[in-house]
Amino acid sequence: MNGLITIQSDYSVKETIDRLASIVESKGLAVFARIDHAANAEKVDMPLRPTELLIFGNPKAGTVLMQDKQTAGIDLPVKALAWQDEAGKNWLTYNETKWIADRHELTEKSNQTLKAIEEGMTLVVNAATKK
């Protein structure tokens, strides 16, 4: 999908998000919200395979991007969606930093921060999904 990075997780949806939340907090990032879409679907009597969203980030990094172009705030803080497909495989999906940069026409002022976010996402996502 355009602008999305999806990797398979060796863990359940819940475990993947638990691990991701723990890892990002250990790196000094803030967890702003955790949304269990499947639990919310169940409340309205609708089926949905396990699907959880974690919203997290570093306000210092995000602010740099928003100082460049305030519209970047619609895609910040960063999000990661753990979900289970119809075959029972578990995945973690997040926005590609280049997509965010292109979408908001971020300038060179954001390059260093974008690189740090990309490297950080790769690190925490791999740690959360791989045994």
N, C-alpha and C. Protein backbone atom coordinates (compact mmCIF):
# COMPACT_ATOMS: atom_id res chain seq x y z
N MET A 1 0.84 -1.19 0.00
CA MET A 1 0.00 0.00 0.00
C MET A 1 0.87 1.24 0.00
N ASN A 2 0.40 2.26 -0.63
CA ASN A 2 1.14 3.49 -0.75
C ASN A 2 1.38 4.15 0.61
N GLY A 3 2.64 4.34 0.94
CA GLY A 3 3.00 5.05 2.16
C GLY A 3 2.97 4.22 3.43
N LEU A 4 2.68 2.93 3.31
CA LEU A 4 2.63 2.06 4.49
C LEU A 4 3.74 1.03 4.44
N ILE A 5 4.27 0.73 5.61
CA ILE A 5 5.24 -0.35 5.76
C ILE A 5 4.56 -1.40 6.63
N THR A 6 4.53 -2.64 6.15
CA THR A 6 3.90 -3.73 6.88
C THR A 6 4.89 -4.86 7.03
N ILE A 7 5.07 -5.32 8.26
CA ILE A 7 5.96 -6.46 8.51
C ILE A 7 5.22 -7.50 9.35
N GLN A 8 5.56 -8.75 9.12
CA GLN A 8 4.91 -9.82 9.86
C GLN A 8 5.46 -9.86 11.28
N SER A 9 4.57 -10.14 12.23
CA SER A 9 4.97 -10.26 13.62
C SER A 9 4.99 -11.72 14.04
N ASP A 10 5.97 -12.07 14.85
CA ASP A 10 6.07 -13.42 15.41
C ASP A 10 5.17 -13.59 16.63
N TYR A 11 4.46 -12.53 16.99
CA TYR A 11 3.64 -12.53 18.20
C TYR A 11 2.18 -12.24 17.86
N SER A 12 1.30 -12.49 18.82
CA SER A 12 -0.11 -12.15 18.65
C SER A 12 -0.25 -10.63 18.54
N VAL A 13 -1.41 -10.19 18.12
CA VAL A 13 -1.66 -8.74 18.02
C VAL A 13 -1.44 -8.08 19.38
N LYS A 14 -2.05 -8.63 20.43
CA LYS A 14 -1.92 -8.04 21.77
C LYS A 14 -0.46 -8.02 22.22
N GLU A 15 0.22 -9.16 22.05
CA GLU A 15 1.64 -9.23 22.44
C GLU A 15 2.48 -8.24 21.65
N THR A 16 2.21 -8.09 20.38
CA THR A 16 2.97 -7.16 19.54
C THR A 16 2.82 -5.75 20.08
N ILE A 17 1.59 -5.34 20.37
CA ILE A 17 1.37 -3.98 20.88
C ILE A 17 1.93 -3.84 22.29
N ASP A 18 1.79 -4.86 23.13
CA ASP A 18 2.39 -4.83 24.47
C ASP A 18 3.90 -4.62 24.36
N ARG A 19 4.53 -5.38 23.49
CA ARG A 19 5.98 -5.29 23.32
C ARG A 19 6.37 -3.92 22.78
N LEU A 20 5.63 -3.45 21.78
CA LEU A 20 5.95 -2.15 21.19
C LEU A 20 5.81 -1.05 22.23
N ALA A 21 4.74 -1.06 23.01
CA ALA A 21 4.55 -0.04 24.05
C ALA A 21 5.69 -0.07 25.06
N SER A 22 6.07 -1.24 25.48
CA SER A 22 7.17 -1.38 26.45
C SER A 22 8.49 -0.86 25.87
N ILE A 23 8.76 -1.22 24.63
CA ILE A 23 10.01 -0.80 23.99
C ILE A 23 10.06 0.70 23.80
N VAL A 24 8.98 1.30 23.29
CA VAL A 24 9.03 2.75 23.05
C VAL A 24 9.15 3.51 24.38
N GLU A 25 8.48 3.03 25.41
CA GLU A 25 8.62 3.70 26.72
C GLU A 25 10.04 3.56 27.25
N SER A 26 10.67 2.40 27.04
CA SER A 26 12.05 2.20 27.50
C SER A 26 13.03 3.11 26.76
N LYS A 27 12.63 3.57 25.56
CA LYS A 27 13.47 4.48 24.77
C LYS A 27 13.17 5.95 25.09
N GLY A 28 12.29 6.18 26.06
CA GLY A 28 11.98 7.55 26.45
C GLY A 28 10.87 8.21 25.64
N LEU A 29 10.18 7.43 24.82
CA LEU A 29 9.07 7.98 24.05
C LEU A 29 7.78 7.88 24.87
N ALA A 30 6.82 8.69 24.50
CA ALA A 30 5.54 8.70 25.20
C ALA A 30 4.53 7.84 24.45
N VAL A 31 3.76 7.06 25.20
CA VAL A 31 2.62 6.35 24.62
C VAL A 31 1.41 7.22 24.92
N PHE A 32 0.76 7.70 23.87
CA PHE A 32 -0.36 8.62 24.03
C PHE A 32 -1.70 7.90 24.09
N ALA A 33 -1.82 6.79 23.36
CA ALA A 33 -3.09 6.06 23.35
C ALA A 33 -2.89 4.66 22.80
N ARG A 34 -3.78 3.79 23.24
CA ARG A 34 -3.85 2.43 22.71
C ARG A 34 -5.33 2.16 22.45
N ILE A 35 -5.63 1.77 21.24
CA ILE A 35 -7.02 1.56 20.85
C ILE A 35 -7.18 0.12 20.38
N ASP A 36 -8.10 -0.59 21.02
CA ASP A 36 -8.41 -1.96 20.63
C ASP A 36 -9.65 -1.92 19.74
N HIS A 37 -9.42 -1.88 18.43
CA HIS A 37 -10.53 -1.77 17.49
C HIS A 37 -11.46 -2.99 17.55
N ALA A 38 -10.91 -4.18 17.76
CA ALA A 38 -11.74 -5.39 17.83
C ALA A 38 -12.66 -5.35 19.05
N ALA A 39 -12.15 -4.88 20.18
CA ALA A 39 -12.98 -4.77 21.38
C ALA A 39 -14.09 -3.74 21.16
N ASN A 40 -13.77 -2.66 20.48
CA ASN A 40 -14.80 -1.65 20.19
C ASN A 40 -15.84 -2.21 19.22
N ALA A 41 -15.41 -2.99 18.25
CA ALA A 41 -16.36 -3.61 17.31
C ALA A 41 -17.28 -4.57 18.05
N GLU A 42 -16.72 -5.30 18.99
CA GLU A 42 -17.51 -6.26 19.77
C GLU A 42 -18.62 -5.54 20.55
N LYS A 43 -18.33 -4.34 21.04
CA LYS A 43 -19.32 -3.57 21.81
C LYS A 43 -20.55 -3.21 20.98
N VAL A 44 -20.40 -3.19 19.67
CA VAL A 44 -21.53 -2.88 18.79
C VAL A 44 -21.94 -4.12 17.98
N ASP A 45 -21.59 -5.28 18.53
CA ASP A 45 -21.97 -6.56 17.94
C ASP A 45 -21.53 -6.73 16.48
N MET A 46 -20.30 -6.31 16.21
CA MET A 46 -19.75 -6.48 14.87
C MET A 46 -18.44 -7.26 14.98
N PRO A 47 -18.24 -8.22 14.09
CA PRO A 47 -17.00 -9.00 14.14
C PRO A 47 -15.82 -8.24 13.55
N LEU A 48 -14.66 -8.40 14.15
CA LEU A 48 -13.41 -7.85 13.62
C LEU A 48 -12.27 -8.68 14.19
N ARG A 49 -11.40 -9.15 13.30
CA ARG A 49 -10.23 -9.88 13.78
C ARG A 49 -9.41 -8.97 14.68
N PRO A 50 -8.51 -9.53 15.52
CA PRO A 50 -7.71 -8.70 16.41
C PRO A 50 -7.03 -7.56 15.65
N THR A 51 -7.24 -6.34 16.14
CA THR A 51 -6.71 -5.13 15.52
C THR A 51 -6.49 -4.09 16.62
N GLU A 52 -5.25 -3.71 16.86
CA GLU A 52 -4.94 -2.71 17.89
C GLU A 52 -4.01 -1.64 17.34
N LEU A 53 -4.27 -0.42 17.76
CA LEU A 53 -3.48 0.74 17.33
C LEU A 53 -2.74 1.32 18.52
N LEU A 54 -1.47 1.63 18.34
CA LEU A 54 -0.68 2.31 19.36
C LEU A 54 -0.25 3.66 18.79
N ILE A 55 -0.51 4.71 19.55
CA ILE A 55 -0.12 6.07 19.16
C ILE A 55 0.97 6.50 20.12
N PHE A 56 2.13 6.85 19.59
CA PHE A 56 3.28 7.16 20.44
C PHE A 56 4.22 8.13 19.74
N GLY A 57 5.15 8.68 20.50
CA GLY A 57 6.13 9.54 19.87
C GLY A 57 6.92 10.36 20.85
N ASN A 58 7.64 11.30 20.26
CA ASN A 58 8.49 12.22 21.00
C ASN A 58 8.05 13.63 20.62
N PRO A 59 7.42 14.36 21.54
CA PRO A 59 6.94 15.70 21.20
C PRO A 59 8.03 16.61 20.63
N LYS A 60 9.26 16.43 21.05
CA LYS A 60 10.35 17.26 20.53
C LYS A 60 10.54 17.03 19.04
N ALA A 61 10.51 15.76 18.62
CA ALA A 61 10.68 15.44 17.20
C ALA A 61 9.46 15.88 16.40
N GLY A 62 8.28 15.57 16.90
CA GLY A 62 7.07 15.93 16.19
C GLY A 62 6.91 17.42 16.02
N THR A 63 7.32 18.17 17.02
CA THR A 63 7.20 19.62 16.94
C THR A 63 8.08 20.19 15.83
N VAL A 64 9.26 19.61 15.64
CA VAL A 64 10.14 20.06 14.55
C VAL A 64 9.41 19.95 13.21
N LEU A 65 8.74 18.83 12.99
CA LEU A 65 8.01 18.64 11.73
C LEU A 65 6.85 19.62 11.62
N MET A 66 6.14 19.85 12.72
CA MET A 66 5.01 20.78 12.69
C MET A 66 5.45 22.23 12.57
N GLN A 67 6.65 22.56 13.08
CA GLN A 67 7.18 23.90 12.87
C GLN A 67 7.49 24.13 11.41
N ASP A 68 7.87 23.07 10.72
CA ASP A 68 8.13 23.14 9.28
C ASP A 68 6.80 23.31 8.54
N LYS A 69 5.86 22.40 8.76
CA LYS A 69 4.52 22.46 8.15
C LYS A 69 3.53 21.95 9.19
N GLN A 70 2.69 22.84 9.67
CA GLN A 70 1.77 22.45 10.74
C GLN A 70 0.85 21.31 10.38
N THR A 71 0.56 21.13 9.10
CA THR A 71 -0.34 20.05 8.71
C THR A 71 0.22 18.67 9.05
N ALA A 72 1.52 18.57 9.29
CA ALA A 72 2.11 17.29 9.69
C ALA A 72 1.47 16.77 10.97
N GLY A 73 0.87 17.65 11.75
CA GLY A 73 0.22 17.25 12.99
C GLY A 73 -0.92 16.27 12.80
N ILE A 74 -1.48 16.19 11.61
CA ILE A 74 -2.54 15.22 11.35
C ILE A 74 -1.98 13.79 11.36
N ASP A 75 -0.70 13.64 11.07
CA ASP A 75 -0.05 12.33 11.04
C ASP A 75 0.85 12.08 12.25
N LEU A 76 0.79 12.97 13.21
CA LEU A 76 1.61 12.85 14.42
C LEU A 76 0.69 12.86 15.63
N PRO A 77 1.06 12.21 16.69
CA PRO A 77 2.21 11.34 16.84
C PRO A 77 2.12 10.15 15.89
N VAL A 78 3.22 9.41 15.84
CA VAL A 78 3.25 8.26 14.94
C VAL A 78 2.32 7.17 15.47
N LYS A 79 1.91 6.30 14.55
CA LYS A 79 0.97 5.23 14.89
C LYS A 79 1.49 3.92 14.33
N ALA A 80 1.15 2.85 15.03
CA ALA A 80 1.44 1.51 14.54
C ALA A 80 0.20 0.66 14.77
N LEU A 81 -0.21 -0.07 13.75
CA LEU A 81 -1.41 -0.89 13.80
C LEU A 81 -1.02 -2.36 13.71
N ALA A 82 -1.34 -3.10 14.77
CA ALA A 82 -1.14 -4.55 14.74
C ALA A 82 -2.48 -5.17 14.38
N TRP A 83 -2.43 -6.14 13.47
CA TRP A 83 -3.68 -6.73 12.98
C TRP A 83 -3.45 -8.16 12.53
N GLN A 84 -4.54 -8.91 12.54
CA GLN A 84 -4.48 -10.31 12.14
C GLN A 84 -5.23 -10.48 10.83
N ASP A 85 -4.60 -11.14 9.87
CA ASP A 85 -5.26 -11.35 8.58
C ASP A 85 -6.17 -12.58 8.62
N GLU A 86 -6.84 -12.82 7.51
CA GLU A 86 -7.82 -13.91 7.44
C GLU A 86 -7.17 -15.29 7.59
N ALA A 87 -5.87 -15.39 7.38
CA ALA A 87 -5.15 -16.66 7.53
C ALA A 87 -4.61 -16.85 8.94
N GLY A 88 -4.83 -15.86 9.81
CA GLY A 88 -4.35 -15.95 11.19
C GLY A 88 -2.94 -15.43 11.40
N LYS A 89 -2.34 -14.85 10.36
CA LYS A 89 -1.00 -14.24 10.51
C LYS A 89 -1.14 -12.85 11.10
N ASN A 90 -0.14 -12.46 11.89
CA ASN A 90 -0.16 -11.16 12.56
C ASN A 90 0.83 -10.22 11.91
N TRP A 91 0.42 -8.96 11.79
CA TRP A 91 1.19 -7.95 11.06
C TRP A 91 1.26 -6.66 11.87
N LEU A 92 2.25 -5.85 11.57
CA LEU A 92 2.37 -4.51 12.14
C LEU A 92 2.58 -3.54 10.98
N THR A 93 1.74 -2.52 10.92
CA THR A 93 1.77 -1.55 9.83
C THR A 93 1.95 -0.15 10.40
N TYR A 94 2.77 0.65 9.72
CA TYR A 94 2.96 2.04 10.13
C TYR A 94 3.25 2.89 8.89
N ASN A 95 3.12 4.20 9.06
CA ASN A 95 3.36 5.14 7.96
C ASN A 95 4.85 5.28 7.67
N GLU A 96 5.17 5.28 6.41
CA GLU A 96 6.53 5.51 5.94
C GLU A 96 6.86 7.00 6.16
N THR A 97 8.02 7.29 6.69
CA THR A 97 8.37 8.70 6.94
C THR A 97 8.45 9.50 5.65
N LYS A 98 8.92 8.87 4.57
CA LYS A 98 8.98 9.58 3.30
C LYS A 98 7.58 10.00 2.85
N TRP A 99 6.60 9.15 3.08
CA TRP A 99 5.21 9.47 2.73
C TRP A 99 4.74 10.69 3.53
N ILE A 100 5.06 10.72 4.81
CA ILE A 100 4.67 11.88 5.64
C ILE A 100 5.36 13.13 5.11
N ALA A 101 6.65 13.02 4.81
CA ALA A 101 7.40 14.17 4.29
C ALA A 101 6.82 14.67 2.97
N ASP A 102 6.53 13.75 2.07
CA ASP A 102 5.97 14.13 0.77
C ASP A 102 4.56 14.69 0.93
N ARG A 103 3.77 14.05 1.75
CA ARG A 103 2.37 14.47 1.92
C ARG A 103 2.28 15.91 2.40
N HIS A 104 3.18 16.29 3.31
CA HIS A 104 3.13 17.63 3.91
C HIS A 104 4.14 18.59 3.31
N GLU A 105 4.84 18.13 2.27
CA GLU A 105 5.85 18.96 1.60
C GLU A 105 6.85 19.54 2.60
N LEU A 106 7.36 18.66 3.47
CA LEU A 106 8.33 19.09 4.46
C LEU A 106 9.62 19.50 3.77
N THR A 107 10.29 20.48 4.34
CA THR A 107 11.51 21.01 3.75
C THR A 107 12.75 20.37 4.37
N GLU A 108 13.89 20.82 3.91
CA GLU A 108 15.16 20.30 4.44
C GLU A 108 15.29 20.54 5.94
N LYS A 109 14.52 21.48 6.50
CA LYS A 109 14.55 21.72 7.95
C LYS A 109 14.17 20.46 8.73
N SER A 110 13.40 19.59 8.09
CA SER A 110 12.90 18.38 8.76
C SER A 110 13.75 17.14 8.48
N ASN A 111 14.71 17.23 7.58
CA ASN A 111 15.44 16.03 7.13
C ASN A 111 16.08 15.24 8.27
N GLN A 112 16.78 15.90 9.16
CA GLN A 112 17.47 15.20 10.24
C GLN A 112 16.47 14.51 11.17
N THR A 113 15.39 15.20 11.47
CA THR A 113 14.35 14.62 12.34
C THR A 113 13.67 13.45 11.65
N LEU A 114 13.36 13.58 10.37
CA LEU A 114 12.74 12.49 9.62
C LEU A 114 13.64 11.25 9.61
N LYS A 115 14.93 11.46 9.43
CA LYS A 115 15.87 10.34 9.44
C LYS A 115 15.88 9.66 10.80
N ALA A 116 15.86 10.45 11.86
CA ALA A 116 15.86 9.89 13.22
C ALA A 116 14.57 9.12 13.48
N ILE A 117 13.45 9.65 13.02
CA ILE A 117 12.16 8.95 13.20
C ILE A 117 12.18 7.63 12.44
N GLU A 118 12.65 7.66 11.20
CA GLU A 118 12.70 6.44 10.38
C GLU A 118 13.57 5.38 11.04
N GLU A 119 14.76 5.77 11.49
CA GLU A 119 15.66 4.82 12.13
C GLU A 119 15.05 4.29 13.43
N GLY A 120 14.42 5.17 14.19
CA GLY A 120 13.79 4.77 15.45
C GLY A 120 12.64 3.81 15.22
N MET A 121 11.81 4.09 14.21
CA MET A 121 10.68 3.20 13.91
C MET A 121 11.18 1.82 13.51
N THR A 122 12.19 1.76 12.66
CA THR A 122 12.73 0.47 12.24
C THR A 122 13.22 -0.31 13.45
N LEU A 123 13.92 0.35 14.35
CA LEU A 123 14.46 -0.30 15.54
C LEU A 123 13.35 -0.85 16.43
N VAL A 124 12.37 -0.02 16.79
CA VAL A 124 11.35 -0.46 17.74
C VAL A 124 10.39 -1.47 17.11
N VAL A 125 10.07 -1.31 15.84
CA VAL A 125 9.16 -2.23 15.16
C VAL A 125 9.81 -3.61 15.03
N ASN A 126 11.06 -3.66 14.64
CA ASN A 126 11.74 -4.95 14.54
C ASN A 126 11.86 -5.63 15.90
N ALA A 127 12.16 -4.86 16.93
CA ALA A 127 12.27 -5.43 18.28
C ALA A 127 10.93 -5.95 18.78
N ALA A 128 9.86 -5.30 18.40
CA ALA A 128 8.52 -5.69 18.87
C ALA A 128 7.96 -6.91 18.14
N THR A 129 8.43 -7.16 16.92
CA THR A 129 7.80 -8.19 16.09
C THR A 129 8.62 -9.45 15.90
N LYS A 130 9.89 -9.42 16.23
CA LYS A 130 10.77 -10.57 15.95
C LYS A 130 11.21 -11.27 17.23
N LYS A 131 11.20 -12.62 17.17
CA LYS A 131 11.67 -13.42 18.32
C LYS A 131 13.18 -13.49 18.32
